[in-house]
Amino acid sequence: MSFLKRLFGGGGSRQSSKEEVVGGSQEHKGFTIRATPFAEDGQYQTCGVISKEVDGTVKEHRFVRADRFPSADLAAEHALRKGKQIIDEQGDWIFSQQ
């Protein structure tokens, strides 16, 4: 039911325009990774933002993974690891997908 609520505009903390960064940010190969896990069904879902300045413009790529953890800190640690993995595998190409 919560899926339908989010789909049609009802509730859901991740719809807020301001994402909460947990555990700071990390630099990796010229990119910045911010962990932004969100509460979902009593746990925290892995979510983050990868950004980089390209030709004077800051580009961002938001990623969400199905992994859930009992605390925001654990989800943030995992988001930073996943962000590094995405950068290592895709590099600047992540901004071409949008």
PDB file of N, CA and C in Angstrom:
ATOM      1  N   MET A   1       0.814  -1.195   0.000  1.00  0.00           N
ATOM      2  CA  MET A   1       0.000   0.000   0.000  1.00  0.00           C
ATOM      3  C   MET A   1       0.859   1.260   0.000  1.00  0.00           C
ATOM      4  N   SER A   2       1.999   1.245   0.713  1.00  0.00           N
ATOM      5  CA  SER A   2       2.836   2.445   0.761  1.00  0.00           C
ATOM      6  C   SER A   2       3.360   2.801  -0.624  1.00  0.00           C
ATOM      7  N   PHE A   3       3.587   1.798  -1.487  1.00  0.00           N
ATOM      8  CA  PHE A   3       4.021   2.061  -2.857  1.00  0.00           C
ATOM      9  C   PHE A   3       2.978   2.905  -3.588  1.00  0.00           C
ATOM     10  N   LEU A   4       1.708   2.531  -3.438  1.00  0.00           N
ATOM     11  CA  LEU A   4       0.644   3.277  -4.109  1.00  0.00           C
ATOM     12  C   LEU A   4       0.510   4.693  -3.564  1.00  0.00           C
ATOM     13  N   LYS A   5       0.709   4.841  -2.263  1.00  0.00           N
ATOM     14  CA  LYS A   5       0.659   6.179  -1.673  1.00  0.00           C
ATOM     15  C   LYS A   5       1.718   7.081  -2.286  1.00  0.00           C
ATOM     16  N   ARG A   6       2.948   6.568  -2.411  1.00  0.00           N
ATOM     17  CA  ARG A   6       4.031   7.369  -2.995  1.00  0.00           C
ATOM     18  C   ARG A   6       3.767   7.640  -4.466  1.00  0.00           C
ATOM     19  N   LEU A   7       3.249   6.627  -5.172  1.00  0.00           N
ATOM     20  CA  LEU A   7       2.991   6.759  -6.596  1.00  0.00           C
ATOM     21  C   LEU A   7       1.975   7.861  -6.871  1.00  0.00           C
ATOM     22  N   PHE A   8       0.970   7.954  -6.030  1.00  0.00           N
ATOM     23  CA  PHE A   8      -0.081   8.947  -6.241  1.00  0.00           C
ATOM     24  C   PHE A   8       0.025  10.157  -5.329  1.00  0.00           C
ATOM     25  N   GLY A   9       1.212  10.395  -4.785  1.00  0.00           N
ATOM     26  CA  GLY A   9       1.456  11.634  -4.063  1.00  0.00           C
ATOM     27  C   GLY A   9       1.198  11.613  -2.577  1.00  0.00           C
ATOM     28  N   GLY A  10       0.907  10.503  -1.992  1.00  0.00           N
ATOM     29  CA  GLY A  10       0.662  10.464  -0.564  1.00  0.00           C
ATOM     30  C   GLY A  10       1.910  10.112   0.217  1.00  0.00           C
ATOM     31  N   GLY A  11       2.173  10.829   1.315  1.00  0.00           N
ATOM     32  CA  GLY A  11       3.221  10.498   2.278  1.00  0.00           C
ATOM     33  C   GLY A  11       4.553  10.080   1.690  1.00  0.00           C
ATOM     34  N   GLY A  12       5.373   9.517   2.540  1.00  0.00           N
ATOM     35  CA  GLY A  12       6.673   9.027   2.107  1.00  0.00           C
ATOM     36  C   GLY A  12       7.762  10.053   2.305  1.00  0.00           C
ATOM     37  N   SER A  13       8.711   9.758   3.201  1.00  0.00           N
ATOM     38  CA  SER A  13       9.741  10.727   3.539  1.00  0.00           C
ATOM     39  C   SER A  13      10.706  10.992   2.402  1.00  0.00           C
ATOM     40  N   ARG A  14      10.889  10.062   1.464  1.00  0.00           N
ATOM     41  CA  ARG A  14      11.872  10.297   0.424  1.00  0.00           C
ATOM     42  C   ARG A  14      11.382  11.228  -0.661  1.00  0.00           C
ATOM     43  N   GLN A  15      10.129  11.637  -0.610  1.00  0.00           N
ATOM     44  CA  GLN A  15       9.629  12.582  -1.594  1.00  0.00           C
ATOM     45  C   GLN A  15       9.965  14.018  -1.237  1.00  0.00           C
ATOM     46  N   SER A  16      10.509  14.242  -0.055  1.00  0.00           N
ATOM     47  CA  SER A  16      10.841  15.606   0.318  1.00  0.00           C
ATOM     48  C   SER A  16      11.943  16.119  -0.591  1.00  0.00           C
ATOM     49  N   SER A  17      11.924  17.404  -0.868  1.00  0.00           N
ATOM     50  CA  SER A  17      12.902  17.970  -1.785  1.00  0.00           C
ATOM     51  C   SER A  17      14.279  18.078  -1.147  1.00  0.00           C
ATOM     52  N   LYS A  18      14.351  17.948   0.165  1.00  0.00           N
ATOM     53  CA  LYS A  18      15.626  18.054   0.860  1.00  0.00           C
ATOM     54  C   LYS A  18      16.005  16.692   1.417  1.00  0.00           C
ATOM     55  N   GLU A  19      17.038  16.089   0.866  1.00  0.00           N
ATOM     56  CA  GLU A  19      17.487  14.789   1.334  1.00  0.00           C
ATOM     57  C   GLU A  19      18.464  14.980   2.472  1.00  0.00           C
ATOM     58  N   GLU A  20      18.356  14.129   3.475  1.00  0.00           N
ATOM     59  CA  GLU A  20      19.253  14.209   4.615  1.00  0.00           C
ATOM     60  C   GLU A  20      20.509  13.394   4.344  1.00  0.00           C
ATOM     61  N   VAL A  21      21.660  14.059   4.406  1.00  0.00           N
ATOM     62  CA  VAL A  21      22.936  13.386   4.222  1.00  0.00           C
ATOM     63  C   VAL A  21      23.341  12.762   5.555  1.00  0.00           C
ATOM     64  N   VAL A  22      23.677  11.476   5.525  1.00  0.00           N
ATOM     65  CA  VAL A  22      24.066  10.752   6.730  1.00  0.00           C
ATOM     66  C   VAL A  22      25.542  10.381   6.606  1.00  0.00           C
ATOM     67  N   GLY A  23      26.329  10.712   7.624  1.00  0.00           N
ATOM     68  CA  GLY A  23      27.742  10.323   7.631  1.00  0.00           C
ATOM     69  C   GLY A  23      28.635  11.158   6.739  1.00  0.00           C
ATOM     70  N   GLY A  24      28.203  12.316   6.339  1.00  0.00           N
ATOM     71  CA  GLY A  24      29.041  13.184   5.513  1.00  0.00           C
ATOM     72  C   GLY A  24      29.128  12.715   4.082  1.00  0.00           C
ATOM     73  N   SER A  25      30.151  13.189   3.391  1.00  0.00           N
ATOM     74  CA  SER A  25      30.346  12.817   1.996  1.00  0.00           C
ATOM     75  C   SER A  25      31.781  12.357   1.799  1.00  0.00           C
ATOM     76  N   GLN A  26      32.022  11.701   0.671  1.00  0.00           N
ATOM     77  CA  GLN A  26      33.366  11.214   0.342  1.00  0.00           C
ATOM     78  C   GLN A  26      33.708  11.589  -1.087  1.00  0.00           C
ATOM     79  N   GLU A  27      34.977  11.865  -1.305  1.00  0.00           N
ATOM     80  CA  GLU A  27      35.496  12.100  -2.649  1.00  0.00           C
ATOM     81  C   GLU A  27      36.047  10.786  -3.178  1.00  0.00           C
ATOM     82  N   HIS A  28      35.818  10.532  -4.464  1.00  0.00           N
ATOM     83  CA  HIS A  28      36.357   9.324  -5.095  1.00  0.00           C
ATOM     84  C   HIS A  28      36.568   9.596  -6.576  1.00  0.00           C
ATOM     85  N   LYS A  29      37.828   9.617  -6.995  1.00  0.00           N
ATOM     86  CA  LYS A  29      38.207   9.807  -8.396  1.00  0.00           C
ATOM     87  C   LYS A  29      37.589  11.068  -9.018  1.00  0.00           C
ATOM     88  N   GLY A  30      37.532  12.144  -8.244  1.00  0.00           N
ATOM     89  CA  GLY A  30      36.990  13.409  -8.753  1.00  0.00           C
ATOM     90  C   GLY A  30      35.493  13.574  -8.595  1.00  0.00           C
ATOM     91  N   PHE A  31      34.812  12.561  -8.078  1.00  0.00           N
ATOM     92  CA  PHE A  31      33.369  12.608  -7.826  1.00  0.00           C
ATOM     93  C   PHE A  31      33.140  12.813  -6.331  1.00  0.00           C
ATOM     94  N   THR A  32      31.982  13.316  -5.976  1.00  0.00           N
ATOM     95  CA  THR A  32      31.566  13.410  -4.581  1.00  0.00           C
ATOM     96  C   THR A  32      30.383  12.470  -4.385  1.00  0.00           C
ATOM     97  N   ILE A  33      30.464  11.665  -3.337  1.00  0.00           N
ATOM     98  CA  ILE A  33      29.381  10.731  -3.009  1.00  0.00           C
ATOM     99  C   ILE A  33      28.766  11.183  -1.687  1.00  0.00           C
ATOM    100  N   ARG A  34      27.438  11.348  -1.680  1.00  0.00           N
ATOM    101  CA  ARG A  34      26.697  11.673  -0.459  1.00  0.00           C
ATOM    102  C   ARG A  34      25.721  10.528  -0.183  1.00  0.00           C
ATOM    103  N   ALA A  35      25.768  10.009   1.017  1.00  0.00           N
ATOM    104  CA  ALA A  35      24.833   8.952   1.422  1.00  0.00           C
ATOM    105  C   ALA A  35      23.551   9.607   1.935  1.00  0.00           C
ATOM    106  N   THR A  36      22.416   9.191   1.385  1.00  0.00           N
ATOM    107  CA  THR A  36      21.125   9.764   1.777  1.00  0.00           C
ATOM    108  C   THR A  36      20.091   8.663   2.035  1.00  0.00           C
ATOM    109  N   PRO A  37      20.387   7.737   2.957  1.00  0.00           N
ATOM    110  CA  PRO A  37      19.435   6.650   3.220  1.00  0.00           C
ATOM    111  C   PRO A  37      18.125   7.215   3.772  1.00  0.00           C
ATOM    112  N   PHE A  38      17.053   6.477   3.551  1.00  0.00           N
ATOM    113  CA  PHE A  38      15.750   6.932   4.042  1.00  0.00           C
ATOM    114  C   PHE A  38      15.042   5.782   4.754  1.00  0.00           C
ATOM    115  N   ALA A  39      14.189   6.147   5.693  1.00  0.00           N
ATOM    116  CA  ALA A  39      13.443   5.157   6.466  1.00  0.00           C
ATOM    117  C   ALA A  39      12.365   4.537   5.585  1.00  0.00           C
ATOM    118  N   GLU A  40      12.271   3.214   5.660  1.00  0.00           N
ATOM    119  CA  GLU A  40      11.280   2.475   4.882  1.00  0.00           C
ATOM    120  C   GLU A  40      10.926   1.207   5.646  1.00  0.00           C
ATOM    121  N   ASP A  41       9.680   1.091   6.060  1.00  0.00           N
ATOM    122  CA  ASP A  41       9.196  -0.108   6.763  1.00  0.00           C
ATOM    123  C   ASP A  41      10.044  -0.478   7.974  1.00  0.00           C
ATOM    124  N   GLY A  42      10.439   0.497   8.766  1.00  0.00           N
ATOM    125  CA  GLY A  42      11.174   0.245   9.999  1.00  0.00           C
ATOM    126  C   GLY A  42      12.663   0.025   9.821  1.00  0.00           C
ATOM    127  N   GLN A  43      13.159   0.143   8.599  1.00  0.00           N
ATOM    128  CA  GLN A  43      14.586   0.008   8.332  1.00  0.00           C
ATOM    129  C   GLN A  43      15.034   1.184   7.481  1.00  0.00           C
ATOM    130  N   TYR A  44      16.308   1.186   7.093  1.00  0.00           N
ATOM    131  CA  TYR A  44      16.844   2.271   6.269  1.00  0.00           C
ATOM    132  C   TYR A  44      17.312   1.712   4.938  1.00  0.00           C
ATOM    133  N   GLN A  45      16.805   2.308   3.872  1.00  0.00           N
ATOM    134  CA  GLN A  45      17.124   1.852   2.525  1.00  0.00           C
ATOM    135  C   GLN A  45      18.348   2.589   1.989  1.00  0.00           C
ATOM    136  N   THR A  46      19.187   1.843   1.261  1.00  0.00           N
ATOM    137  CA  THR A  46      20.401   2.396   0.670  1.00  0.00           C
ATOM    138  C   THR A  46      20.036   3.386  -0.432  1.00  0.00           C
ATOM    139  N   CYS A  47      20.572   4.600  -0.307  1.00  0.00           N
ATOM    140  CA  CYS A  47      20.310   5.640  -1.289  1.00  0.00           C
ATOM    141  C   CYS A  47      21.469   6.633  -1.229  1.00  0.00           C
ATOM    142  N   GLY A  48      21.816   7.214  -2.364  1.00  0.00           N
ATOM    143  CA  GLY A  48      22.900   8.179  -2.371  1.00  0.00           C
ATOM    144  C   GLY A  48      22.880   9.044  -3.616  1.00  0.00           C
ATOM    145  N   VAL A  49      23.761  10.030  -3.633  1.00  0.00           N
ATOM    146  CA  VAL A  49      23.885  10.951  -4.758  1.00  0.00           C
ATOM    147  C   VAL A  49      25.358  11.047  -5.121  1.00  0.00           C
ATOM    148  N   ILE A  50      25.640  10.870  -6.401  1.00  0.00           N
ATOM    149  CA  ILE A  50      26.992  11.039  -6.927  1.00  0.00           C
ATOM    150  C   ILE A  50      26.990  12.325  -7.728  1.00  0.00           C
ATOM    151  N   SER A  51      27.957  13.206  -7.463  1.00  0.00           N
ATOM    152  CA  SER A  51      28.013  14.465  -8.208  1.00  0.00           C
ATOM    153  C   SER A  51      29.432  14.754  -8.675  1.00  0.00           C
ATOM    154  N   LYS A  52      29.497  15.575  -9.714  1.00  0.00           N
ATOM    155  CA  LYS A  52      30.784  15.985 -10.271  1.00  0.00           C
ATOM    156  C   LYS A  52      30.555  17.226 -11.119  1.00  0.00           C
ATOM    157  N   GLU A  53      31.529  18.136 -11.070  1.00  0.00           N
ATOM    158  CA  GLU A  53      31.445  19.313 -11.927  1.00  0.00           C
ATOM    159  C   GLU A  53      31.974  18.939 -13.306  1.00  0.00           C
ATOM    160  N   VAL A  54      31.136  19.136 -14.324  1.00  0.00           N
ATOM    161  CA  VAL A  54      31.484  18.832 -15.706  1.00  0.00           C
ATOM    162  C   VAL A  54      31.231  20.081 -16.542  1.00  0.00           C
ATOM    163  N   ASP A  55      32.279  20.620 -17.150  1.00  0.00           N
ATOM    164  CA  ASP A  55      32.173  21.824 -17.979  1.00  0.00           C
ATOM    165  C   ASP A  55      31.486  22.978 -17.248  1.00  0.00           C
ATOM    166  N   GLY A  56      31.826  23.162 -15.989  1.00  0.00           N
ATOM    167  CA  GLY A  56      31.292  24.269 -15.210  1.00  0.00           C
ATOM    168  C   GLY A  56      29.908  24.041 -14.631  1.00  0.00           C
ATOM    169  N   THR A  57      29.328  22.881 -14.859  1.00  0.00           N
ATOM    170  CA  THR A  57      27.994  22.552 -14.355  1.00  0.00           C
ATOM    171  C   THR A  57      28.094  21.337 -13.442  1.00  0.00           C
ATOM    172  N   VAL A  58      27.447  21.403 -12.290  1.00  0.00           N
ATOM    173  CA  VAL A  58      27.444  20.257 -11.381  1.00  0.00           C
ATOM    174  C   VAL A  58      26.367  19.272 -11.846  1.00  0.00           C
ATOM    175  N   LYS A  59      26.807  18.068 -12.164  1.00  0.00           N
ATOM    176  CA  LYS A  59      25.909  16.993 -12.577  1.00  0.00           C
ATOM    177  C   LYS A  59      25.701  16.071 -11.386  1.00  0.00           C
ATOM    178  N   GLU A  60      24.475  15.533 -11.261  1.00  0.00           N
ATOM    179  CA  GLU A  60      24.163  14.621 -10.171  1.00  0.00           C
ATOM    180  C   GLU A  60      23.471  13.373 -10.685  1.00  0.00           C
ATOM    181  N   HIS A  61      23.756  12.269 -10.017  1.00  0.00           N
ATOM    182  CA  HIS A  61      23.105  10.996 -10.310  1.00  0.00           C
ATOM    183  C   HIS A  61      22.646  10.413  -8.981  1.00  0.00           C
ATOM    184  N   ARG A  62      21.355  10.194  -8.829  1.00  0.00           N
ATOM    185  CA  ARG A  62      20.805   9.612  -7.605  1.00  0.00           C
ATOM    186  C   ARG A  62      20.634   8.118  -7.813  1.00  0.00           C
ATOM    187  N   PHE A  63      21.042   7.344  -6.823  1.00  0.00           N
ATOM    188  CA  PHE A  63      20.862   5.898  -6.905  1.00  0.00           C
ATOM    189  C   PHE A  63      20.162   5.393  -5.661  1.00  0.00           C
ATOM    190  N   VAL A  64      19.328   4.392  -5.855  1.00  0.00           N
ATOM    191  CA  VAL A  64      18.599   3.728  -4.773  1.00  0.00           C
ATOM    192  C   VAL A  64      18.793   2.237  -4.977  1.00  0.00           C
ATOM    193  N   ARG A  65      19.115   1.538  -3.923  1.00  0.00           N
ATOM    194  CA  ARG A  65      19.294   0.091  -3.971  1.00  0.00           C
ATOM    195  C   ARG A  65      18.300  -0.568  -3.014  1.00  0.00           C
ATOM    196  N   ALA A  66      18.011  -1.808  -3.261  1.00  0.00           N
ATOM    197  CA  ALA A  66      17.024  -2.541  -2.453  1.00  0.00           C
ATOM    198  C   ALA A  66      17.540  -2.894  -1.064  1.00  0.00           C
ATOM    199  N   ASP A  67      18.849  -2.792  -0.844  1.00  0.00           N
ATOM    200  CA  ASP A  67      19.436  -3.171   0.441  1.00  0.00           C
ATOM    201  C   ASP A  67      18.874  -2.327   1.577  1.00  0.00           C
ATOM    202  N   ARG A  68      18.498  -3.006   2.656  1.00  0.00           N
ATOM    203  CA  ARG A  68      17.983  -2.308   3.842  1.00  0.00           C
ATOM    204  C   ARG A  68      18.786  -2.716   5.065  1.00  0.00           C
ATOM    205  N   PHE A  69      18.895  -1.768   6.010  1.00  0.00           N
ATOM    206  CA  PHE A  69      19.709  -1.965   7.207  1.00  0.00           C
ATOM    207  C   PHE A  69      18.956  -1.459   8.435  1.00  0.00           C
ATOM    208  N   PRO A  70      19.329  -1.958   9.632  1.00  0.00           N
ATOM    209  CA  PRO A  70      18.629  -1.548  10.846  1.00  0.00           C
ATOM    210  C   PRO A  70      18.949  -0.121  11.293  1.00  0.00           C
ATOM    211  N   SER A  71      20.037   0.476  10.785  1.00  0.00           N
ATOM    212  CA  SER A  71      20.364   1.850  11.191  1.00  0.00           C
ATOM    213  C   SER A  71      20.737   2.694   9.971  1.00  0.00           C
ATOM    214  N   ALA A  72      20.553   3.994  10.098  1.00  0.00           N
ATOM    215  CA  ALA A  72      20.909   4.920   9.021  1.00  0.00           C
ATOM    216  C   ALA A  72      22.411   4.901   8.771  1.00  0.00           C
ATOM    217  N   ASP A  73      23.203   4.740   9.825  1.00  0.00           N
ATOM    218  CA  ASP A  73      24.664   4.716   9.662  1.00  0.00           C
ATOM    219  C   ASP A  73      25.133   3.523   8.835  1.00  0.00           C
ATOM    220  N   LEU A  74      24.563   2.351   9.077  1.00  0.00           N
ATOM    221  CA  LEU A  74      24.931   1.166   8.291  1.00  0.00           C
ATOM    222  C   LEU A  74      24.511   1.333   6.830  1.00  0.00           C
ATOM    223  N   ALA A  75      23.322   1.877   6.615  1.00  0.00           N
ATOM    224  CA  ALA A  75      22.855   2.113   5.245  1.00  0.00           C
ATOM    225  C   ALA A  75      23.742   3.149   4.554  1.00  0.00           C
ATOM    226  N   ALA A  76      24.207   4.155   5.301  1.00  0.00           N
ATOM    227  CA  ALA A  76      25.086   5.182   4.731  1.00  0.00           C
ATOM    228  C   ALA A  76      26.432   4.586   4.330  1.00  0.00           C
ATOM    229  N   GLU A  77      26.997   3.731   5.183  1.00  0.00           N
ATOM    230  CA  GLU A  77      28.264   3.071   4.846  1.00  0.00           C
ATOM    231  C   GLU A  77      28.132   2.272   3.555  1.00  0.00           C
ATOM    232  N   HIS A  78      27.032   1.557   3.425  1.00  0.00           N
ATOM    233  CA  HIS A  78      26.799   0.755   2.225  1.00  0.00           C
ATOM    234  C   HIS A  78      26.602   1.655   1.001  1.00  0.00           C
ATOM    235  N   ALA A  79      25.905   2.767   1.169  1.00  0.00           N
ATOM    236  CA  ALA A  79      25.687   3.698   0.056  1.00  0.00           C
ATOM    237  C   ALA A  79      27.017   4.264  -0.452  1.00  0.00           C
ATOM    238  N   LEU A  80      27.934   4.566   0.445  1.00  0.00           N
ATOM    239  CA  LEU A  80      29.242   5.077   0.032  1.00  0.00           C
ATOM    240  C   LEU A  80      30.022   4.007  -0.734  1.00  0.00           C
ATOM    241  N   ARG A  81      29.944   2.758  -0.279  1.00  0.00           N
ATOM    242  CA  ARG A  81      30.602   1.657  -1.008  1.00  0.00           C
ATOM    243  C   ARG A  81      29.986   1.471  -2.389  1.00  0.00           C
ATOM    244  N   LYS A  82      28.658   1.502  -2.466  1.00  0.00           N
ATOM    245  CA  LYS A  82      27.978   1.336  -3.753  1.00  0.00           C
ATOM    246  C   LYS A  82      28.289   2.504  -4.679  1.00  0.00           C
ATOM    247  N   GLY A  83      28.369   3.701  -4.127  1.00  0.00           N
ATOM    248  CA  GLY A  83      28.711   4.869  -4.938  1.00  0.00           C
ATOM    249  C   GLY A  83      30.082   4.716  -5.578  1.00  0.00           C
ATOM    250  N   LYS A  84      31.050   4.236  -4.801  1.00  0.00           N
ATOM    251  CA  LYS A  84      32.397   3.995  -5.343  1.00  0.00           C
ATOM    252  C   LYS A  84      32.355   2.938  -6.441  1.00  0.00           C
ATOM    253  N   GLN A  85      31.581   1.897  -6.217  1.00  0.00           N
ATOM    254  CA  GLN A  85      31.464   0.836  -7.213  1.00  0.00           C
ATOM    255  C   GLN A  85      30.861   1.373  -8.514  1.00  0.00           C
ATOM    256  N   ILE A  86      29.830   2.186  -8.410  1.00  0.00           N
ATOM    257  CA  ILE A  86      29.200   2.770  -9.593  1.00  0.00           C
ATOM    258  C   ILE A  86      30.199   3.634 -10.357  1.00  0.00           C
ATOM    259  N   ILE A  87      30.956   4.440  -9.630  1.00  0.00           N
ATOM    260  CA  ILE A  87      31.968   5.299 -10.262  1.00  0.00           C
ATOM    261  C   ILE A  87      33.033   4.450 -10.951  1.00  0.00           C
ATOM    262  N   ASP A  88      33.522   3.426 -10.266  1.00  0.00           N
ATOM    263  CA  ASP A  88      34.554   2.562 -10.839  1.00  0.00           C
ATOM    264  C   ASP A  88      34.066   1.861 -12.107  1.00  0.00           C
ATOM    265  N   GLU A  89      32.801   1.469 -12.131  1.00  0.00           N
ATOM    266  CA  GLU A  89      32.266   0.728 -13.276  1.00  0.00           C
ATOM    267  C   GLU A  89      31.836   1.636 -14.421  1.00  0.00           C
ATOM    268  N   GLN A  90      31.299   2.834 -14.104  1.00  0.00           N
ATOM    269  CA  GLN A  90      30.665   3.643 -15.140  1.00  0.00           C
ATOM    270  C   GLN A  90      31.315   4.998 -15.383  1.00  0.00           C
ATOM    271  N   GLY A  91      32.024   5.528 -14.406  1.00  0.00           N
ATOM    272  CA  GLY A  91      32.659   6.835 -14.572  1.00  0.00           C
ATOM    273  C   GLY A  91      31.667   7.919 -14.981  1.00  0.00           C
ATOM    274  N   ASP A  92      32.086   8.812 -15.877  1.00  0.00           N
ATOM    275  CA  ASP A  92      31.231   9.928 -16.307  1.00  0.00           C
ATOM    276  C   ASP A  92      29.979   9.465 -17.045  1.00  0.00           C
ATOM    277  N   TRP A  93      29.964   8.223 -17.496  1.00  0.00           N
ATOM    278  CA  TRP A  93      28.827   7.727 -18.252  1.00  0.00           C
ATOM    279  C   TRP A  93      27.530   7.762 -17.439  1.00  0.00           C
ATOM    280  N   ILE A  94      27.600   7.761 -16.109  1.00  0.00           N
ATOM    281  CA  ILE A  94      26.378   7.790 -15.285  1.00  0.00           C
ATOM    282  C   ILE A  94      25.547   9.028 -15.574  1.00  0.00           C
ATOM    283  N   PHE A  95      26.177  10.111 -16.010  1.00  0.00           N
ATOM    284  CA  PHE A  95      25.430  11.328 -16.294  1.00  0.00           C
ATOM    285  C   PHE A  95      24.799  11.304 -17.677  1.00  0.00           C
ATOM    286  N   SER A  96      25.189  10.375 -18.520  1.00  0.00           N
ATOM    287  CA  SER A  96      24.624  10.239 -19.865  1.00  0.00           C
ATOM    288  C   SER A  96      23.277   9.521 -19.830  1.00  0.00           C
ATOM    289  N   GLN A  97      23.004   8.803 -18.766  1.00  0.00           N
ATOM    290  CA  GLN A  97      21.792   7.998 -18.669  1.00  0.00           C
ATOM    291  C   GLN A  97      20.565   8.835 -18.363  1.00  0.00           C
ATOM    292  N   GLN A  98      20.738  10.070 -17.981  1.00  0.00           N
ATOM    293  CA  GLN A  98      19.590  10.868 -17.521  1.00  0.00           C
ATOM    294  C   GLN A  98      18.897  11.572 -18.641  1.00  0.00           C
TER     295      GLN A  98
END
